C-alpha atoms as a PDB file:
ATOM      1  CA  MET A   1      -7.250 -26.158   9.074  1.00  0.00           C
ATOM      2  CA  THR A   2      -8.500 -22.480  11.061  1.00  0.00           C
ATOM      3  CA  GLY A   3      -7.360 -19.982  12.681  1.00  0.00           C
ATOM      4  CA  GLU A   4      -3.823 -18.168  11.860  1.00  0.00           C
ATOM      5  CA  LYS A   5      -2.563 -21.104   9.662  1.00  0.00           C
ATOM      6  CA  GLU A   6      -6.053 -20.073   7.358  1.00  0.00           C
ATOM      7  CA  ILE A   7      -4.826 -16.840   7.610  1.00  0.00           C
ATOM      8  CA  GLU A   8      -1.342 -17.643   6.157  1.00  0.00           C
ATOM      9  CA  ASP A   9      -2.124 -19.436   3.202  1.00  0.00           C
ATOM     10  CA  ARG A  10      -4.489 -16.942   2.075  1.00  0.00           C
ATOM     11  CA  PHE A  11      -1.348 -14.913   1.624  1.00  0.00           C
ATOM     12  CA  VAL A  12      -0.046 -17.874  -0.238  1.00  0.00           C
ATOM     13  CA  ALA A  13      -2.900 -17.870  -2.453  1.00  0.00           C
ATOM     14  CA  TRP A  14      -3.259 -14.803  -3.311  1.00  0.00           C
ATOM     15  CA  ASN A  15       0.453 -14.772  -4.310  1.00  0.00           C
ATOM     16  CA  GLN A  16      -0.642 -17.832  -6.443  1.00  0.00           C
ATOM     17  CA  ALA A  17      -3.153 -15.925  -8.234  1.00  0.00           C
ATOM     18  CA  LEU A  18      -0.140 -13.193  -8.946  1.00  0.00           C
ATOM     19  CA  GLN A  19       2.144 -15.801 -10.660  1.00  0.00           C
ATOM     20  CA  THR A  20      -0.571 -16.742 -13.094  1.00  0.00           C
ATOM     21  CA  GLY A  21      -0.844 -13.381 -15.125  1.00  0.00           C
ATOM     22  CA  ASN A  22      -4.739 -13.682 -14.612  1.00  0.00           C
ATOM     23  CA  PRO A  23      -6.229 -10.102 -13.085  1.00  0.00           C
ATOM     24  CA  ASP A  24      -9.257 -11.741 -12.323  1.00  0.00           C
ATOM     25  CA  LYS A  25      -7.788 -15.034 -11.318  1.00  0.00           C
ATOM     26  CA  VAL A  26      -6.248 -11.743  -8.529  1.00  0.00           C
ATOM     27  CA  THR A  27      -9.547  -9.306  -8.242  1.00  0.00           C
ATOM     28  CA  ALA A  28     -12.069 -12.665  -7.258  1.00  0.00           C
ATOM     29  CA  LEU A  29     -10.426 -12.628  -3.555  1.00  0.00           C
ATOM     30  CA  TYR A  30     -11.033  -9.503  -2.547  1.00  0.00           C
ATOM     31  CA  ALA A  31     -14.519  -8.860  -1.907  1.00  0.00           C
ATOM     32  CA  LYS A  32     -16.948  -6.718  -3.537  1.00  0.00           C
ATOM     33  CA  ASP A  33     -16.643  -3.694  -1.166  1.00  0.00           C
ATOM     34  CA  ALA A  34     -13.059  -4.210  -0.547  1.00  0.00           C
ATOM     35  CA  VAL A  35     -10.794  -1.522  -0.540  1.00  0.00           C
ATOM     36  CA  LEU A  36      -7.487  -1.472  -2.924  1.00  0.00           C
ATOM     37  CA  LEU A  37      -4.642   0.791  -1.016  1.00  0.00           C
ATOM     38  CA  PRO A  38      -1.379  -0.266  -3.971  1.00  0.00           C
ATOM     39  CA  THR A  39       1.458  -0.259  -3.540  1.00  0.00           C
ATOM     40  CA  VAL A  40       3.004   1.130  -7.203  1.00  0.00           C
ATOM     41  CA  SER A  41      -0.574   3.559  -7.511  1.00  0.00           C
ATOM     42  CA  ALA A  42      -1.943   6.570  -5.998  1.00  0.00           C
ATOM     43  CA  ARG A  43      -5.483   5.573  -6.379  1.00  0.00           C
ATOM     44  CA  VAL A  44      -7.541   4.258  -4.013  1.00  0.00           C
ATOM     45  CA  ARG A  45      -9.311   1.441  -5.608  1.00  0.00           C
ATOM     46  CA  HIS A  46     -13.005   0.615  -4.631  1.00  0.00           C
ATOM     47  CA  ASN A  47     -14.230  -2.115  -6.006  1.00  0.00           C
ATOM     48  CA  HIS A  48     -13.382  -5.136  -8.546  1.00  0.00           C
ATOM     49  CA  ASP A  49     -13.395  -3.061 -11.363  1.00  0.00           C
ATOM     50  CA  GLU A  50     -11.126  -0.661  -9.852  1.00  0.00           C
ATOM     51  CA  ILE A  51      -9.174  -3.679  -8.575  1.00  0.00           C
ATOM     52  CA  ARG A  52      -8.742  -5.588 -11.425  1.00  0.00           C
ATOM     53  CA  ASP A  53      -6.888  -2.214 -14.037  1.00  0.00           C
ATOM     54  CA  TYR A  54      -4.263  -2.502 -10.947  1.00  0.00           C
ATOM     55  CA  PHE A  55      -4.322  -5.633 -11.044  1.00  0.00           C
ATOM     56  CA  VAL A  56      -3.488  -5.510 -15.340  1.00  0.00           C
ATOM     57  CA  HIS A  57      -0.901  -3.297 -15.136  1.00  0.00           C
ATOM     58  CA  PHE A  58       0.862  -4.847 -11.807  1.00  0.00           C
ATOM     59  CA  LEU A  59       0.450  -8.072 -13.130  1.00  0.00           C
ATOM     60  CA  ALA A  60       3.141  -6.914 -16.307  1.00  0.00           C
ATOM     61  CA  LYS A  61       5.490  -6.895 -14.108  1.00  0.00           C
ATOM     62  CA  LYS A  62       5.649 -10.162 -13.280  1.00  0.00           C
ATOM     63  CA  PRO A  63       5.500 -10.136  -8.951  1.00  0.00           C
ATOM     64  CA  VAL A  64       6.324 -12.445  -7.404  1.00  0.00           C
ATOM     65  CA  GLY A  65       6.322 -11.906  -3.338  1.00  0.00           C
ATOM     66  CA  ARG A  66       7.704 -13.404  -0.026  1.00  0.00           C
ATOM     67  CA  ILE A  67       6.609 -13.131   3.615  1.00  0.00           C
ATOM     68  CA  ASP A  68       9.883 -11.212   6.229  1.00  0.00           C
ATOM     69  CA  GLU A  69       6.978 -10.393   8.532  1.00  0.00           C
ATOM     70  CA  GLN A  70       3.785 -10.905   9.753  1.00  0.00           C
ATOM     71  CA  ASN A  71       1.568 -11.007  11.959  1.00  0.00           C
ATOM     72  CA  ILE A  72      -1.629 -12.586  12.289  1.00  0.00           C
ATOM     73  CA  ARG A  73      -4.599 -11.445  14.364  1.00  0.00           C
ATOM     74  CA  VAL A  74      -8.600 -13.545  14.324  1.00  0.00           C
ATOM     75  CA  PHE A  75     -10.833 -11.921  15.771  1.00  0.00           C
ATOM     76  CA  GLY A  76     -14.005 -14.527  14.855  1.00  0.00           C
ATOM     77  CA  ASP A  77     -15.042 -13.938  11.818  1.00  0.00           C
ATOM     78  CA  ILE A  78     -12.611 -10.853  11.025  1.00  0.00           C
ATOM     79  CA  ALA A  79      -8.838 -11.792  10.385  1.00  0.00           C
ATOM     80  CA  VAL A  80      -5.359  -9.172   9.649  1.00  0.00           C
ATOM     81  CA  ASN A  81      -2.532  -9.946   8.199  1.00  0.00           C
ATOM     82  CA  SER A  82       0.232  -7.009   8.366  1.00  0.00           C
ATOM     83  CA  GLY A  83       3.718  -7.290   8.764  1.00  0.00           C
ATOM     84  CA  LEU A  84       6.369  -6.553   5.683  1.00  0.00           C
ATOM     85  CA  TYR A  85       6.786  -8.387   1.981  1.00  0.00           C
ATOM     86  CA  THR A  86       8.869  -8.541  -0.761  1.00  0.00           C
ATOM     87  CA  PHE A  87       8.048  -8.616  -4.176  1.00  0.00           C
ATOM     88  CA  THR A  88      10.365  -9.558  -7.620  1.00  0.00           C
ATOM     89  CA  LEU A  89       9.600  -7.881 -10.425  1.00  0.00           C
ATOM     90  CA  SER A  90      10.712  -8.310 -13.902  1.00  0.00           C
ATOM     91  CA  GLU A  91      10.704  -5.297 -16.753  1.00  0.00           C
ATOM     92  CA  ASN A  92      12.468  -5.477 -19.964  1.00  0.00           C
ATOM     93  CA  GLY A  93      14.877  -8.378 -18.185  1.00  0.00           C
ATOM     94  CA  LYS A  94      15.474  -6.999 -15.373  1.00  0.00           C
ATOM     95  CA  GLU A  95      14.616  -7.945 -11.512  1.00  0.00           C
ATOM     96  CA  THR A  96      13.755  -5.525  -9.275  1.00  0.00           C
ATOM     97  CA  ASP A  97      13.426  -6.317  -5.567  1.00  0.00           C
ATOM     98  CA  VAL A  98      10.921  -3.896  -3.772  1.00  0.00           C
ATOM     99  CA  ALA A  99      10.161  -3.568  -0.058  1.00  0.00           C
ATOM    100  CA  ALA A 100       7.264  -3.202   1.396  1.00  0.00           C
ATOM    101  CA  ARG A 101       4.690  -3.004   4.307  1.00  0.00           C
ATOM    102  CA  PHE A 102       1.386  -4.551   4.081  1.00  0.00           C
ATOM    103  CA  SER A 103      -2.040  -4.940   5.786  1.00  0.00           C
ATOM    104  CA  PHE A 104      -4.681  -7.716   4.848  1.00  0.00           C
ATOM    105  CA  VAL A 105      -8.707  -7.727   6.362  1.00  0.00           C
ATOM    106  CA  TYR A 106      -9.927 -10.676   5.709  1.00  0.00           C
ATOM    107  CA  ARG A 107     -14.107 -11.494   6.574  1.00  0.00           C
ATOM    108  CA  ARG A 108     -15.309 -15.161   6.934  1.00  0.00           C
ATOM    109  CA  ASP A 109     -17.556 -15.498   3.479  1.00  0.00           C
ATOM    110  CA  GLY A 110     -18.667 -19.106   5.052  1.00  0.00           C
ATOM    111  CA  ASP A 111     -15.789 -21.478   4.510  1.00  0.00           C
ATOM    112  CA  ARG A 112     -14.150 -18.403   2.452  1.00  0.00           C
ATOM    113  CA  TRP A 113     -12.111 -16.015   3.485  1.00  0.00           C
ATOM    114  CA  GLN A 114     -12.053 -12.981   1.292  1.00  0.00           C
ATOM    115  CA  ILE A 115      -9.759  -9.688   1.632  1.00  0.00           C
ATOM    116  CA  ILE A 116     -11.889  -6.109   2.330  1.00  0.00           C
ATOM    117  CA  GLU A 117      -9.375  -3.886   2.899  1.00  0.00           C
ATOM    118  CA  HIS A 118      -5.255  -4.305   1.589  1.00  0.00           C
ATOM    119  CA  HIS A 119      -3.005  -1.683   2.088  1.00  0.00           C
ATOM    120  CA  SER A 120       0.763  -2.043   1.019  1.00  0.00           C
ATOM    121  CA  SER A 121       3.413   0.152   0.892  1.00  0.00           C
ATOM    122  CA  ILE A 122       6.485   1.254  -0.211  1.00  0.00           C
ATOM    123  CA  LEU A 123       9.047   0.157   2.878  1.00  0.00           C
ATOM    124  CA  PRO A 124      10.603   3.566   3.907  1.00  0.00           C
ATOM    125  CA  GLU A 125      14.581   3.315   4.310  1.00  0.00           C
ATOM    126  CA  GLY A 126      16.000   3.526   8.200  1.00  0.00           C
END
């Protein structure tokens, strides 16, 4: 498994980690020096402790993501996946869909791809 399919599968693994509700499983997909610009927080996260803190709160919303559009490019040991995704969030028995833009940047570490940068922002109307 190489190239685009491998990177496509990274989102699947990330989404499955979200659905476990365990912030440690999600955080483990990020490199120790990763940067996260999260969807529902104004704070940039610069390390595992800060990234984990974000996911503790985000996972309480029981997010389930789906890719609406993705653009994968692989440059040797660096890969980028950017596009649009939608999250279904569940709070107080009510489900809400949130459409967002995303960019994941991955670095290959041996035989494993890790997230080194992740930007997600709510999709503006129009």
